[in-house]
C-alpha atoms as a PDB file:
ATOM      1  CA  MET A   1      12.397 -15.266   7.266  1.00  0.00           C
ATOM      2  CA  SER A   2      14.772 -16.042  10.063  1.00  0.00           C
ATOM      3  CA  LYS A   3      14.965 -14.309  13.405  1.00  0.00           C
ATOM      4  CA  HIS A   4      18.148 -12.625  12.169  1.00  0.00           C
ATOM      5  CA  ASP A   5      16.171 -11.025   9.301  1.00  0.00           C
ATOM      6  CA  ASP A   6      13.675  -9.562  11.782  1.00  0.00           C
ATOM      7  CA  GLU A   7      16.452  -8.006  13.839  1.00  0.00           C
ATOM      8  CA  TYR A   8      18.451  -6.662  10.889  1.00  0.00           C
ATOM      9  CA  PRO A   9      16.169  -5.622   8.055  1.00  0.00           C
ATOM     10  CA  ASP A  10      17.572  -4.814   4.614  1.00  0.00           C
ATOM     11  CA  ARG A  11      17.235  -1.106   5.226  1.00  0.00           C
ATOM     12  CA  LEU A  12      17.442   1.060   8.316  1.00  0.00           C
ATOM     13  CA  PHE A  13      16.088   4.615   8.318  1.00  0.00           C
ATOM     14  CA  SER A  14      17.197   7.735  10.103  1.00  0.00           C
ATOM     15  CA  LEU A  15      14.410  10.011  11.288  1.00  0.00           C
ATOM     16  CA  SER A  16      15.147  12.517   8.526  1.00  0.00           C
ATOM     17  CA  GLU A  17      15.090   9.776   5.854  1.00  0.00           C
ATOM     18  CA  ALA A  18      11.719   8.568   7.118  1.00  0.00           C
ATOM     19  CA  ASN A  19      10.295  12.094   7.144  1.00  0.00           C
ATOM     20  CA  ARG A  20      11.480  12.717   3.569  1.00  0.00           C
ATOM     21  CA  LEU A  21       9.429   9.727   2.400  1.00  0.00           C
ATOM     22  CA  ILE A  22       6.139  10.963   3.869  1.00  0.00           C
ATOM     23  CA  PRO A  23       4.900  12.826   0.747  1.00  0.00           C
ATOM     24  CA  THR A  24       5.561   9.738  -1.397  1.00  0.00           C
ATOM     25  CA  LEU A  25       3.889   7.470   1.162  1.00  0.00           C
ATOM     26  CA  GLU A  26       0.872   9.776   1.281  1.00  0.00           C
ATOM     27  CA  GLU A  27       0.482   9.460  -2.507  1.00  0.00           C
ATOM     28  CA  HIS A  28       0.825   5.673  -2.469  1.00  0.00           C
ATOM     29  CA  LEU A  29      -1.460   5.119   0.523  1.00  0.00           C
ATOM     30  CA  THR A  30      -4.123   7.486  -0.818  1.00  0.00           C
ATOM     31  CA  ALA A  31      -4.087   5.540  -4.102  1.00  0.00           C
ATOM     32  CA  VAL A  32      -4.377   2.248  -2.184  1.00  0.00           C
ATOM     33  CA  LYS A  33      -7.390   3.582  -0.261  1.00  0.00           C
ATOM     34  CA  ARG A  34      -8.983   4.750  -3.541  1.00  0.00           C
ATOM     35  CA  GLY A  35      -8.446   1.305  -5.027  1.00  0.00           C
ATOM     36  CA  LYS A  36      -9.884  -0.339  -1.948  1.00  0.00           C
ATOM     37  CA  SER A  37     -13.044   1.765  -2.223  1.00  0.00           C
ATOM     38  CA  VAL A  38     -13.454   0.606  -5.857  1.00  0.00           C
ATOM     39  CA  LEU A  39     -13.210  -3.006  -4.668  1.00  0.00           C
ATOM     40  CA  ILE A  40     -15.857  -2.380  -2.026  1.00  0.00           C
ATOM     41  CA  GLU A  41     -18.171  -0.592  -4.486  1.00  0.00           C
ATOM     42  CA  THR A  42     -17.910  -3.367  -7.103  1.00  0.00           C
ATOM     43  CA  LYS A  43     -17.826  -6.369  -4.727  1.00  0.00           C
ATOM     44  CA  ASP A  44     -21.477  -7.382  -5.104  1.00  0.00           C
ATOM     45  CA  GLU A  45     -21.449  -7.117  -8.904  1.00  0.00           C
ATOM     46  CA  ILE A  46     -18.255  -9.179  -9.082  1.00  0.00           C
ATOM     47  CA  LYS A  47     -19.816 -11.887  -6.864  1.00  0.00           C
ATOM     48  CA  LYS A  48     -22.814 -12.106  -9.217  1.00  0.00           C
ATOM     49  CA  ALA A  49     -20.560 -12.340 -12.264  1.00  0.00           C
ATOM     50  CA  SER A  50     -18.487 -15.030 -10.591  1.00  0.00           C
ATOM     51  CA  LYS A  51     -21.570 -17.147  -9.868  1.00  0.00           C
ATOM     52  CA  ASN A  52     -22.651 -16.875 -13.511  1.00  0.00           C
ATOM     53  CA  ALA A  53     -19.191 -17.415 -15.014  1.00  0.00           C
ATOM     54  CA  GLN A  54     -19.954 -20.986 -16.065  1.00  0.00           C
ATOM     55  CA  PHE A  55     -22.826 -19.622 -18.168  1.00  0.00           C
ATOM     56  CA  GLY A  56     -20.620 -17.074 -19.906  1.00  0.00           C
ATOM     57  CA  GLY A  57     -21.637 -14.266 -17.559  1.00  0.00           C
ATOM     58  CA  GLY A  58     -19.482 -11.215 -17.186  1.00  0.00           C
ATOM     59  CA  SER A  59     -19.633  -7.818 -15.606  1.00  0.00           C
ATOM     60  CA  PHE A  60     -19.211  -4.278 -16.798  1.00  0.00           C
ATOM     61  CA  VAL A  61     -17.404  -3.488 -13.535  1.00  0.00           C
ATOM     62  CA  ALA A  62     -14.823  -6.257 -13.937  1.00  0.00           C
ATOM     63  CA  PRO A  63     -12.240  -4.026 -15.673  1.00  0.00           C
ATOM     64  CA  HIS A  64     -12.546  -1.458 -12.844  1.00  0.00           C
ATOM     65  CA  TYR A  65     -12.194  -4.195 -10.242  1.00  0.00           C
ATOM     66  CA  ILE A  66      -9.115  -5.704 -11.907  1.00  0.00           C
ATOM     67  CA  LEU A  67      -7.516  -2.286 -12.424  1.00  0.00           C
ATOM     68  CA  ALA A  68      -8.092  -1.449  -8.745  1.00  0.00           C
ATOM     69  CA  LEU A  69      -6.464  -4.738  -7.679  1.00  0.00           C
ATOM     70  CA  GLU A  70      -3.471  -4.046  -9.898  1.00  0.00           C
ATOM     71  CA  GLN A  71      -3.112  -0.485  -8.610  1.00  0.00           C
ATOM     72  CA  ILE A  72      -3.304  -1.582  -4.971  1.00  0.00           C
ATOM     73  CA  ASN A  73      -0.679  -4.239  -5.624  1.00  0.00           C
ATOM     74  CA  ASP A  74       1.602  -1.819  -7.485  1.00  0.00           C
ATOM     75  CA  HIS A  75       1.451   0.875  -4.808  1.00  0.00           C
ATOM     76  CA  LEU A  76       2.010  -1.545  -1.921  1.00  0.00           C
ATOM     77  CA  ARG A  77       4.947  -3.105  -3.797  1.00  0.00           C
ATOM     78  CA  GLU A  78       6.481   0.364  -4.336  1.00  0.00           C
ATOM     79  CA  ILE A  79       6.253   1.054  -0.591  1.00  0.00           C
ATOM     80  CA  GLN A  80       7.749  -2.341   0.222  1.00  0.00           C
ATOM     81  CA  GLU A  81      10.619  -1.725  -2.215  1.00  0.00           C
ATOM     82  CA  MET A  82      11.452   1.466  -0.296  1.00  0.00           C
ATOM     83  CA  GLY A  83      11.965  -0.688   2.801  1.00  0.00           C
ATOM     84  CA  VAL A  84       8.909   0.719   4.591  1.00  0.00           C
ATOM     85  CA  LEU A  85       6.573  -1.721   6.354  1.00  0.00           C
ATOM     86  CA  VAL A  86       2.836  -1.149   5.874  1.00  0.00           C
ATOM     87  CA  LYS A  87       1.180  -2.354   9.063  1.00  0.00           C
ATOM     88  CA  ASP A  88      -2.437  -1.259   8.460  1.00  0.00           C
ATOM     89  CA  VAL A  89      -3.760  -0.119   5.079  1.00  0.00           C
ATOM     90  CA  GLU A  90      -6.967   1.350   6.497  1.00  0.00           C
ATOM     91  CA  MET A  91      -5.098   3.567   8.969  1.00  0.00           C
ATOM     92  CA  GLY A  92      -2.221   4.168   6.579  1.00  0.00           C
ATOM     93  CA  LEU A  93       0.088   2.909   9.323  1.00  0.00           C
ATOM     94  CA  CYS A  94       3.752   2.484   8.386  1.00  0.00           C
ATOM     95  CA  ASP A  95       6.884   1.475  10.252  1.00  0.00           C
ATOM     96  CA  PHE A  96      10.472   2.351   9.407  1.00  0.00           C
ATOM     97  CA  PRO A  97      13.177   0.046  10.793  1.00  0.00           C
ATOM     98  CA  HIS A  98      15.569   2.223  12.813  1.00  0.00           C
ATOM     99  CA  LEU A  99      18.708   1.473  14.809  1.00  0.00           C
ATOM    100  CA  TYR A 100      18.409   2.738  18.384  1.00  0.00           C
ATOM    101  CA  LYS A 101      21.001   1.997  21.050  1.00  0.00           C
ATOM    102  CA  GLY A 102      22.260  -1.050  19.156  1.00  0.00           C
ATOM    103  CA  ARG A 103      18.861  -2.617  18.477  1.00  0.00           C
ATOM    104  CA  VAL A 104      16.275  -2.325  15.757  1.00  0.00           C
ATOM    105  CA  VAL A 105      13.062  -0.500  16.652  1.00  0.00           C
ATOM    106  CA  TYR A 106      10.382   0.983  14.408  1.00  0.00           C
ATOM    107  CA  LEU A 107       9.791   4.635  13.751  1.00  0.00           C
ATOM    108  CA  CYS A 108       6.021   4.799  13.415  1.00  0.00           C
ATOM    109  CA  TRP A 109       3.884   7.078  11.223  1.00  0.00           C
ATOM    110  CA  LYS A 110       0.319   7.039   9.997  1.00  0.00           C
ATOM    111  CA  LEU A 111      -1.500   8.829   7.229  1.00  0.00           C
ATOM    112  CA  GLY A 112      -2.598  12.268   8.407  1.00  0.00           C
ATOM    113  CA  GLU A 113       0.434  12.876  10.614  1.00  0.00           C
ATOM    114  CA  SER A 114       2.707  15.618   9.271  1.00  0.00           C
ATOM    115  CA  LYS A 115       5.909  13.893  10.398  1.00  0.00           C
ATOM    116  CA  VAL A 116       7.218  10.821  12.158  1.00  0.00           C
ATOM    117  CA  GLY A 117       6.720  11.508  15.832  1.00  0.00           C
ATOM    118  CA  TRP A 118       6.498   8.022  17.344  1.00  0.00           C
ATOM    119  CA  TRP A 119       8.475   4.832  17.780  1.00  0.00           C
ATOM    120  CA  HIS A 120       7.901   1.381  19.240  1.00  0.00           C
ATOM    121  CA  GLU A 121       9.712  -1.859  19.881  1.00  0.00           C
ATOM    122  CA  VAL A 122       9.590  -4.345  17.010  1.00  0.00           C
ATOM    123  CA  HIS A 123       7.199  -6.686  18.815  1.00  0.00           C
ATOM    124  CA  SER A 124       5.017  -4.160  20.661  1.00  0.00           C
ATOM    125  CA  GLY A 125       3.237  -2.693  17.632  1.00  0.00           C
ATOM    126  CA  TYR A 126       1.009   0.365  17.400  1.00  0.00           C
ATOM    127  CA  ALA A 127      -0.307  -0.047  20.944  1.00  0.00           C
ATOM    128  CA  GLY A 128       3.244   0.391  22.241  1.00  0.00           C
ATOM    129  CA  ARG A 129       3.911   3.670  20.408  1.00  0.00           C
ATOM    130  CA  GLN A 130       5.920   6.199  22.362  1.00  0.00           C
ATOM    131  CA  PRO A 131       6.722   9.803  21.463  1.00  0.00           C
ATOM    132  CA  LEU A 132      10.134  10.345  19.926  1.00  0.00           C
ATOM    133  CA  ASP A 133      12.760  12.079  22.004  1.00  0.00           C
ATOM    134  CA  SER A 134      16.095  13.578  20.975  1.00  0.00           C
ATOM    135  CA  ASP A 135      17.834  10.160  21.280  1.00  0.00           C
ATOM    136  CA  HIS A 136      16.106   8.930  18.115  1.00  0.00           C
ATOM    137  CA  CYS A 137      17.216  11.749  15.811  1.00  0.00           C
END
């Protein structure tokens, strides 16, 4: 990805467009977190099966593990295809590229927030979040 791609992403969002996507993002991110918990719950059993694979070993949890991996991948891909950037799966942190005063910034939202209420510069990240004001609408 070139510097130009960072500055001009494929899709830019208005605040209202970003807010309309929240219910869909909540569904996808909740499914990702569910899948992640399956991976954590089955991790030890999968490690044992992996060590015994050369002896024909298997695991009854393997189908659950593989299904969880596929679901996580599918949901994250769906979010990416919308043009939304997932910054932290655990927090459910997402950024929406947004044009503000001639430059790209990120509208910032995380799972549990009812609407997009924050923004930050592209390179400042979550720590640089600032409350939205009327300029960003």
